[in-house]
Protein backbone atom coordinates (compact mmCIF):
# COMPACT_ATOMS: atom_id res chain seq x y z
CA MET A 1 0.00 0.00 0.00
CA GLU A 2 1.20 3.51 -0.81
CA GLY A 3 0.14 6.88 0.49
CA ARG A 4 1.30 10.39 -0.46
CA ASP A 5 -0.09 13.75 -1.47
CA THR A 6 1.74 15.02 -4.57
CA ASN A 7 0.42 18.56 -4.07
CA GLU A 8 2.00 19.09 -0.65
CA HIS A 9 4.55 16.50 0.44
CA LEU A 10 8.02 15.52 -0.67
CA LEU A 11 7.76 12.00 0.74
CA ALA A 12 5.75 8.92 -0.14
CA LEU A 13 4.75 6.31 2.43
CA LYS A 14 4.61 2.64 1.41
CA VAL A 15 3.33 -0.14 3.68
CA MET A 16 3.44 -3.85 2.83
CA ARG A 17 2.35 -6.74 4.96
CA LEU A 18 5.01 -9.44 5.30
CA THR A 19 3.46 -12.86 4.98
CA ARG A 20 3.97 -16.10 3.15
CA PRO A 21 2.56 -16.39 -0.38
CA THR A 22 -0.57 -18.36 -1.17
CA LEU A 23 -1.19 -21.09 -3.70
CA CYS A 24 -3.24 -20.32 -6.79
CA SER A 25 -4.47 -22.41 -9.73
CA PRO A 26 -5.80 -21.33 -13.14
CA ALA A 27 -9.57 -20.99 -13.41
CA ILE A 28 -10.19 -23.39 -16.29
CA VAL A 29 -13.23 -22.41 -18.37
CA THR A 30 -13.24 -23.70 -21.96
CA SER A 31 -15.70 -23.88 -24.83
CA ASP A 32 -15.99 -25.52 -28.23
CA SER A 33 -15.05 -23.46 -31.29
CA LYS A 34 -18.62 -23.89 -32.58
CA ASP A 35 -20.07 -22.30 -29.45
CA LEU A 36 -20.99 -18.64 -29.27
CA PRO A 37 -17.75 -17.53 -27.51
CA GLY A 38 -15.68 -19.37 -30.11
CA ASN A 39 -12.02 -19.57 -29.08
CA LEU A 40 -12.24 -16.51 -26.83
CA LEU A 41 -12.11 -18.48 -23.57
CA ASN A 42 -9.40 -20.82 -24.85
CA ASN A 43 -7.19 -17.92 -25.95
CA ASP A 44 -7.69 -16.20 -22.61
CA LEU A 45 -6.64 -19.36 -20.80
CA LYS A 46 -3.46 -19.56 -22.90
CA ASN A 47 -2.56 -16.05 -21.78
CA ASP A 48 -3.11 -16.92 -18.11
CA ILE A 49 0.28 -16.90 -16.38
CA THR A 50 -0.79 -19.70 -14.02
CA SER A 51 -1.62 -22.16 -16.82
CA VAL A 52 0.90 -24.64 -18.19
CA PRO A 53 1.74 -24.08 -21.90
CA GLY A 54 0.44 -26.90 -24.09
CA ILE A 55 -1.92 -28.29 -21.45
CA GLU A 56 -3.87 -25.16 -20.54
CA THR A 57 -7.09 -27.11 -19.95
CA LEU A 58 -5.51 -29.22 -17.18
CA ALA A 59 -4.92 -28.08 -13.60
CA ALA A 60 -1.40 -29.48 -13.67
CA GLY A 61 -0.07 -27.60 -10.66
CA GLN A 62 -0.19 -24.55 -8.46
CA PHE A 63 1.77 -21.31 -8.36
CA LEU A 64 2.84 -19.14 -5.45
CA LEU A 65 0.94 -15.86 -5.36
CA LEU A 66 2.42 -12.92 -3.50
CA PRO A 67 0.07 -11.04 -1.12
CA GLN A 68 -2.04 -8.49 -2.96
CA SER A 69 -3.42 -6.70 0.15
CA PHE A 70 -3.36 -6.81 3.93
CA GLY A 71 -6.05 -9.50 3.83
CA ASN A 72 -7.37 -11.15 6.98
CA ILE A 73 -5.30 -12.09 10.02
CA TYR A 74 -6.23 -14.71 12.58
CA LEU A 75 -6.17 -14.15 16.32
CA GLY A 76 -2.90 -15.34 17.80
CA GLU A 77 -0.87 -14.83 14.63
CA THR A 78 1.98 -12.32 14.37
CA PHE A 79 1.23 -9.29 12.22
CA SER A 80 4.41 -8.26 10.37
CA SER A 81 4.66 -5.23 8.10
CA TYR A 82 7.32 -3.36 6.13
CA ILE A 83 7.11 0.45 6.32
CA CYS A 84 9.06 2.58 3.85
CA VAL A 85 9.29 6.37 3.42
CA HIS A 86 10.66 7.40 0.01
CA ASN A 87 11.85 10.87 -0.98
CA TYR A 88 10.67 11.05 -4.59
CA SER A 89 11.34 14.81 -4.90
CA SER A 90 14.48 16.75 -5.81
CA GLN A 91 14.72 18.43 -2.40
CA VAL A 92 16.26 17.31 0.88
CA ALA A 93 13.87 16.44 3.70
CA LYS A 94 15.32 16.89 7.17
CA HIS A 95 14.42 15.51 10.61
CA VAL A 96 12.37 12.69 9.10
CA SER A 97 10.66 10.35 11.57
CA VAL A 98 8.02 7.63 11.23
CA LYS A 99 5.66 6.44 13.96
CA ALA A 100 3.43 3.37 13.69
CA ASP A 101 0.55 2.57 16.04
CA LEU A 102 -2.05 -0.18 15.96
CA GLN A 103 -5.55 0.98 16.89
CA THR A 104 -8.00 -1.66 18.14
CA SER A 105 -11.48 -1.34 19.57
CA SER A 106 -10.09 -1.10 23.10
CA GLN A 107 -6.54 0.31 22.95
CA ARG A 108 -3.84 1.99 20.91
CA ILE A 109 -0.59 0.03 20.74
CA PRO A 110 2.70 1.79 19.84
CA LEU A 111 4.73 -0.35 17.41
CA SER A 112 7.71 1.73 16.27
CA GLY A 113 9.16 5.21 16.07
CA HIS A 114 8.44 6.19 19.68
CA GLN A 115 12.04 5.94 20.88
CA MET A 116 14.29 8.99 20.95
CA GLU A 117 16.99 7.32 18.83
CA SER A 118 14.51 6.55 16.03
CA VAL A 119 14.64 10.12 14.61
CA ALA A 120 16.48 10.25 11.26
CA ALA A 121 18.72 13.14 10.19
CA GLU A 122 17.69 13.77 6.59
CA LEU A 123 16.56 12.12 3.38
CA HIS A 124 18.20 13.09 0.11
CA PRO A 125 16.38 12.63 -3.20
CA GLN A 126 15.58 8.95 -3.87
CA ASP A 127 16.66 7.97 -0.34
CA ILE A 128 14.43 5.80 1.85
CA LEU A 129 13.75 5.33 5.54
CA ASP A 130 12.30 1.91 6.37
CA ASP A 131 11.35 -0.27 9.32
CA ILE A 132 9.84 -3.70 9.98
CA ILE A 133 7.26 -4.08 12.73
CA HIS A 134 5.94 -7.21 14.43
CA HIS A 135 2.96 -7.60 16.73
CA GLU A 136 1.07 -10.64 18.01
CA VAL A 137 -2.62 -9.80 17.63
CA ARG A 138 -4.69 -10.62 20.72
CA GLU A 139 -8.07 -9.09 19.86
CA VAL A 140 -10.62 -9.94 17.21
CA GLY A 141 -12.33 -7.33 15.09
CA THR A 142 -11.20 -4.30 13.10
CA HIS A 143 -7.59 -3.15 13.46
CA ILE A 144 -6.18 0.05 11.98
CA LEU A 145 -2.47 0.57 11.36
CA VAL A 146 -1.79 4.29 11.83
CA CYS A 147 1.44 5.57 10.26
CA GLU A 148 2.59 9.15 10.90
CA VAL A 149 5.45 10.83 9.01
CA ASN A 150 7.10 14.02 10.31
CA TYR A 151 9.79 15.94 8.45
CA MET A 152 11.18 19.39 7.74
CA SER A 153 10.68 20.79 4.21
CA PRO A 154 13.18 23.41 2.89
CA THR A 155 10.32 25.61 1.62
CA GLN A 156 7.30 24.76 3.79
CA GLY A 157 8.82 24.13 7.19
CA GLN A 158 7.59 21.37 9.49
CA LEU A 159 5.12 18.99 7.78
CA THR A 160 3.17 15.99 8.97
CA PHE A 161 0.88 13.48 7.30
CA ARG A 162 -0.86 10.29 8.38
CA LYS A 163 -2.05 7.22 6.54
CA PHE A 164 -4.47 4.57 7.81
CA PHE A 165 -4.54 0.90 6.80
CA LYS A 166 -7.46 -1.21 7.97
CA PHE A 167 -7.56 -5.00 8.31
CA GLN A 168 -9.69 -7.60 10.08
CA VAL A 169 -8.59 -10.05 12.79
CA LEU A 170 -10.69 -13.22 12.74
CA LYS A 171 -11.12 -16.05 15.21
CA PRO A 172 -9.31 -19.18 13.99
CA LEU A 173 -10.42 -21.78 16.52
CA ASP A 174 -13.57 -22.50 18.51
CA VAL A 175 -12.73 -24.02 21.89
CA LYS A 176 -15.34 -25.71 24.10
CA TRP A 177 -14.82 -27.66 27.30
CA LYS A 178 -16.63 -29.83 29.84
CA PHE A 179 -15.73 -30.94 33.36
CA TYR A 180 -16.37 -34.38 34.81
CA ASN A 181 -15.85 -35.47 38.40
CA ALA A 182 -14.36 -38.91 39.08
CA GLU A 183 -17.07 -41.55 39.50
CA ASP A 184 -15.38 -43.32 42.40
CA VAL A 185 -15.61 -41.79 45.84
CA ILE A 186 -11.99 -42.55 46.66
CA SER A 187 -10.65 -39.95 44.26
CA ASP A 188 -11.13 -36.17 44.02
CA GLU A 189 -9.85 -36.07 40.44
CA VAL A 190 -11.45 -33.83 37.82
CA TYR A 191 -11.46 -34.63 34.10
CA LEU A 192 -11.43 -31.91 31.46
CA GLU A 193 -12.61 -32.59 27.91
CA ALA A 194 -11.55 -29.86 25.48
CA GLN A 195 -12.91 -29.66 21.93
CA VAL A 196 -10.90 -27.63 19.41
CA GLN A 197 -12.60 -26.82 16.07
CA ASN A 198 -10.96 -25.27 13.00
CA ILE A 199 -13.22 -22.42 11.84
CA THR A 200 -10.81 -21.07 9.22
CA THR A 201 -11.21 -21.69 5.49
CA SER A 202 -8.08 -23.83 5.11
CA PRO A 203 -6.45 -26.79 6.88
CA ILE A 204 -4.27 -26.15 9.91
CA CYS A 205 -1.84 -28.28 11.87
CA LEU A 206 -2.23 -28.41 15.64
CA GLU A 207 1.36 -28.29 16.83
CA LYS A 208 0.59 -28.27 20.57
CA VAL A 209 -2.51 -28.42 22.75
CA SER A 210 -1.62 -28.43 26.44
CA LEU A 211 -3.28 -27.56 29.73
CA GLU A 212 -1.35 -25.24 32.03
CA SER A 213 -2.96 -26.11 35.34
CA SER A 214 -3.28 -23.74 38.27
CA HIS A 215 -1.19 -24.22 41.40
CA LEU A 216 -4.11 -26.09 42.96
CA PHE A 217 -3.93 -29.13 40.66
CA ASN A 218 -1.49 -31.54 39.04
CA VAL A 219 -2.39 -32.26 35.41
CA THR A 220 -1.93 -35.46 33.39
CA ALA A 221 -2.61 -35.45 29.63
CA LEU A 222 -4.53 -38.50 28.38
CA ASN A 223 -3.91 -37.95 24.67
CA THR A 224 -1.00 -40.31 24.05
CA THR A 225 -0.61 -44.05 23.53
CA MET A 226 1.46 -46.44 25.63
CA ASP A 227 4.45 -45.56 23.41
CA GLU A 228 4.10 -41.85 24.27
CA GLU A 229 2.86 -41.04 20.77
CA SER A 230 -0.06 -38.75 20.07
CA VAL A 231 -3.36 -40.52 19.44
CA PHE A 232 -3.81 -38.20 16.42
CA GLY A 233 -0.52 -39.21 14.77
CA HIS A 234 2.74 -37.38 14.14
CA VAL A 235 1.00 -34.61 12.17
CA ASN A 236 -2.32 -33.49 13.61
CA VAL A 237 -3.96 -31.91 10.56
CA LEU A 238 -7.36 -30.34 11.14
CA GLN A 239 -9.55 -29.70 8.11
CA PRO A 240 -11.95 -26.71 7.99
CA GLN A 241 -14.88 -27.21 10.41
CA ALA A 242 -13.29 -30.41 11.78
CA SER A 243 -12.75 -30.92 15.53
CA ARG A 244 -10.42 -32.71 17.93
CA GLN A 245 -11.18 -33.80 21.49
CA PHE A 246 -8.46 -33.68 24.15
CA LEU A 247 -8.73 -35.19 27.65
CA TYR A 248 -6.88 -34.17 30.80
CA CYS A 249 -6.95 -35.48 34.37
CA LEU A 250 -6.45 -33.03 37.23
CA ALA A 251 -5.59 -34.27 40.70
CA PRO A 252 -5.82 -31.78 43.58
CA GLN A 253 -2.76 -30.99 45.64
CA ALA A 254 -2.36 -32.86 48.92
CA SER A 255 -2.97 -29.63 50.85
CA LEU A 256 -6.48 -29.46 49.35
CA THR A 257 -7.50 -33.04 50.05
CA SER A 258 -6.63 -32.61 53.72
CA ASP A 259 -9.08 -29.72 54.09
CA LEU A 260 -12.47 -30.14 52.42
CA ARG A 261 -13.24 -26.43 52.62
CA LEU A 262 -10.16 -25.63 50.52
CA LEU A 263 -11.09 -28.34 48.02
CA THR A 264 -14.59 -26.90 47.65
CA GLY A 265 -13.16 -23.49 46.85
CA ALA A 266 -10.69 -24.82 44.25
CA THR A 267 -12.56 -23.73 41.12
CA ASN A 268 -9.65 -22.40 39.00
CA ILE A 269 -8.46 -25.24 36.78
CA GLY A 270 -5.96 -23.63 34.44
CA LYS A 271 -5.54 -22.41 30.84
CA LEU A 272 -5.44 -24.17 27.50
CA ASP A 273 -2.39 -23.27 25.41
CA ILE A 274 -2.80 -24.00 21.68
CA VAL A 275 -0.13 -23.60 19.00
CA TRP A 276 -0.98 -24.21 15.33
CA ARG A 277 0.43 -23.62 11.87
CA SER A 278 -1.36 -22.79 8.64
CA ASN A 279 -0.95 -24.88 5.48
CA LEU A 280 2.03 -22.71 4.50
CA GLY A 281 3.68 -22.69 7.93
CA GLU A 282 2.33 -19.45 9.46
CA ARG A 283 2.50 -19.88 13.23
CA GLY A 284 -0.29 -18.89 15.59
CA ARG A 285 -0.89 -19.25 19.29
CA LEU A 286 -3.99 -18.99 21.45
CA GLN A 287 -4.40 -19.15 25.20
CA THR A 288 -7.81 -19.34 26.79
CA SER A 289 -8.85 -17.45 29.87
CA GLN A 290 -8.81 -19.19 33.24
CA LEU A 291 -11.11 -22.22 33.07
CA GLN A 292 -13.59 -22.37 35.93
CA ARG A 293 -15.48 -25.38 37.22
CA MET A 294 -18.52 -25.37 39.46
CA ALA A 295 -17.63 -25.75 43.12
CA PRO A 296 -18.40 -29.33 44.23
CA ASP A 297 -21.20 -29.67 46.74
CA TYR A 298 -20.40 -32.32 49.34
CA GLY A 299 -23.36 -31.58 51.59
CA ASP A 300 -23.04 -31.54 55.37
CA ILE A 301 -21.14 -34.82 55.61
CA ARG A 302 -18.82 -36.43 53.09
CA LEU A 303 -18.14 -40.15 53.31
CA SER A 304 -15.44 -41.70 51.14
CA ILE A 305 -13.76 -45.09 51.02
CA GLN A 306 -10.00 -44.90 51.50
CA GLU A 307 -8.92 -48.58 51.39
CA LEU A 308 -10.83 -51.38 49.71
CA PRO A 309 -9.77 -54.77 48.24
CA ASN A 310 -10.77 -55.36 44.63
CA ILE A 311 -11.23 -59.13 44.82
CA ILE A 312 -12.54 -61.06 47.84
CA HIS A 313 -13.54 -64.67 48.47
CA LEU A 314 -16.98 -66.04 49.18
CA GLU A 315 -17.93 -66.25 52.90
CA GLU A 316 -14.60 -64.75 53.96
CA ALA A 317 -14.92 -61.50 55.91
CA PHE A 318 -13.06 -58.47 54.57
CA THR A 319 -12.46 -55.04 56.02
CA PHE A 320 -12.24 -51.60 54.44
CA THR A 321 -11.73 -48.07 55.75
CA CYS A 322 -14.09 -45.11 55.40
CA ARG A 323 -13.32 -41.47 55.98
CA ILE A 324 -16.04 -39.22 57.40
CA ILE A 325 -15.59 -35.46 57.00
CA ASN A 326 -17.71 -32.72 58.56
CA ALA A 327 -18.27 -30.36 55.60
CA CYS A 328 -20.59 -27.90 57.34
CA GLU A 329 -19.87 -24.95 59.61
CA ARG A 330 -21.17 -26.48 62.86
CA SER A 331 -20.19 -29.32 65.16
CA MET A 332 -21.98 -32.62 64.66
CA ASP A 333 -22.68 -35.52 67.02
CA LEU A 334 -23.02 -38.59 64.77
CA LEU A 335 -24.65 -42.00 65.19
CA LEU A 336 -23.59 -44.84 62.84
CA SER A 337 -26.14 -47.45 61.68
CA LEU A 338 -25.44 -50.40 59.36
CA GLU A 339 -28.30 -51.86 57.32
CA THR A 340 -28.16 -54.74 54.83
CA PRO A 341 -30.33 -54.04 51.76
CA PRO A 342 -32.67 -56.80 50.58
CA SER A 343 -31.18 -59.34 48.14
CA SER A 344 -27.72 -57.95 48.79
CA GLY A 345 -24.75 -60.25 48.33
CA LEU A 346 -22.92 -58.57 51.24
CA VAL A 347 -23.92 -58.48 54.92
CA TRP A 348 -22.46 -56.34 57.68
CA SER A 349 -20.36 -57.78 60.48
CA GLY A 350 -20.18 -55.43 63.45
CA VAL A 351 -22.13 -53.30 65.87
CA SER A 352 -24.81 -51.00 64.47
CA GLY A 353 -26.03 -47.90 66.31
CA ARG A 354 -22.61 -46.79 67.50
CA GLN A 355 -21.97 -43.28 68.78
CA MET A 356 -19.20 -41.64 66.73
CA GLY A 357 -18.75 -38.71 69.08
CA LYS A 358 -18.50 -35.01 68.26
CA LEU A 359 -16.99 -33.96 64.94
CA GLU A 360 -15.82 -30.37 64.58
CA PRO A 361 -16.22 -28.37 61.30
CA GLY A 362 -13.61 -29.50 58.74
CA ALA A 363 -12.48 -32.39 60.93
CA SER A 364 -12.48 -36.03 59.84
CA ILE A 365 -12.30 -39.51 61.31
CA HIS A 366 -11.31 -42.88 59.81
CA LEU A 367 -13.74 -45.72 60.37
CA PRO A 368 -12.87 -49.42 59.78
CA LEU A 369 -15.85 -51.57 58.75
CA CYS A 370 -16.29 -55.29 58.08
CA MET A 371 -18.56 -57.22 55.67
CA VAL A 372 -19.09 -60.88 54.71
CA PRO A 373 -19.88 -61.85 51.07
CA LEU A 374 -22.71 -64.35 50.59
CA ALA A 375 -22.91 -64.36 46.78
CA THR A 376 -20.37 -64.33 43.97
CA GLY A 377 -20.04 -61.70 41.29
CA LEU A 378 -19.86 -57.93 41.39
CA GLN A 379 -21.41 -56.67 44.63
CA ASN A 380 -22.28 -53.14 45.80
CA ILE A 381 -21.40 -51.76 49.23
CA SER A 382 -24.54 -50.09 50.59
CA GLY A 383 -26.46 -49.47 53.80
CA ILE A 384 -24.37 -46.97 55.79
CA ARG A 385 -26.54 -44.50 57.73
CA LEU A 386 -25.22 -41.49 59.66
CA THR A 387 -27.61 -39.59 61.94
CA ASP A 388 -27.02 -36.12 63.33
CA VAL A 389 -28.20 -36.55 66.92
CA PHE A 390 -28.81 -32.84 67.47
CA LEU A 391 -30.91 -32.14 64.34
CA LYS A 392 -32.29 -35.70 64.01
CA ARG A 393 -31.20 -35.67 60.36
CA THR A 394 -30.17 -38.92 58.63
CA TYR A 395 -27.66 -39.21 55.77
CA ASP A 396 -27.87 -42.38 53.63
CA TYR A 397 -24.92 -43.77 51.65
CA ASP A 398 -25.62 -46.49 49.09
CA ASP A 399 -23.63 -47.82 46.15
CA LEU A 400 -20.43 -46.47 47.61
CA ALA A 401 -18.16 -48.93 45.79
CA GLN A 402 -18.08 -52.37 44.20
CA VAL A 403 -16.11 -55.52 45.01
CA PHE A 404 -15.73 -58.72 43.01
CA VAL A 405 -16.55 -61.89 44.93
CA THR A 406 -15.08 -65.23 43.78
CA GLN A 407 -15.18 -68.79 45.04
CA ALA A 408 -12.58 -69.58 47.66
CA THR A 409 -9.68 -71.63 46.31
CA ALA A 410 -9.07 -75.05 47.79
């Protein structure tokens, strides 16, 4: 792009976006010589620089096309531009300086020419003053590159002119996510499913998709095979409108699991960091805002199983350990009752109706329990009842976990 006023100024301003070329193919439209256009379309195709001589009617290949305008830029890409001031006159321009700012809908970003040492001495006829600017775009919408040229004319004194170059920043990826809590009561793990969709008009390659967890969690990516290779292959190419799902497991820090109130308030999960490249190698990077999950609601009392055997033998008693946590803001005096559900393959062995004593807010106790299996197969642990003696409120816990019961070996 070029901007100058031949009636007033000695200098011309040229701005060119620096980007990789695109691929273009000839638009093949032919007709028979007996048709109304005759050989007009065929002759035009022969003159097309992108067609191959002798086989003009075949799309034999593609040519590299240099950028013809600023075009569109995707969020997360680096905007690079070449700025050149040319003295096309026969006079000497003194104290020439160029300033470049990028105006967005929310801010004005200085790019170059704002330092004291950036002021040039003078430009003789046919001399140039140039600069290359780089900026990683972080907002979508209309952007305006504002270039200002200041110089001293021998006849007109101090002169200034500005040129504006507008371009659009588009959103390249659509990112959606869901949170899942671990199904078993032993774990406080959270699973994050992230869906990344390519909403550009050309294929892109996802170079990296990672989760930068907050200090509250330890993250494990579940997107690789046993050989530590990506489940999407060595090159993760994403076609337009196609999507990829990524899965991550987040385990809370030990300091959170020891205090249920801290675990309830741990809602900041982390940020997704995505790096991609276009089909010609242009690099882009996106980082989401802080991902938030809903605070888990554990009720007044949380009961979890800490130790449990996976396989047990028929009619052989087994023990497991439960942890009871007071999740409310008041002290509780608890009464433990053990009930065997009808047609259950497990029966309780122990005293029911035991006083557990007073449990302060945030405090916990470990409770060993014993059961006897009466049927083989996969059996559910159910029938634990906790009663708040003061409020006469009962808390039922069924289907806490499963054990596999087998025949005893001889």
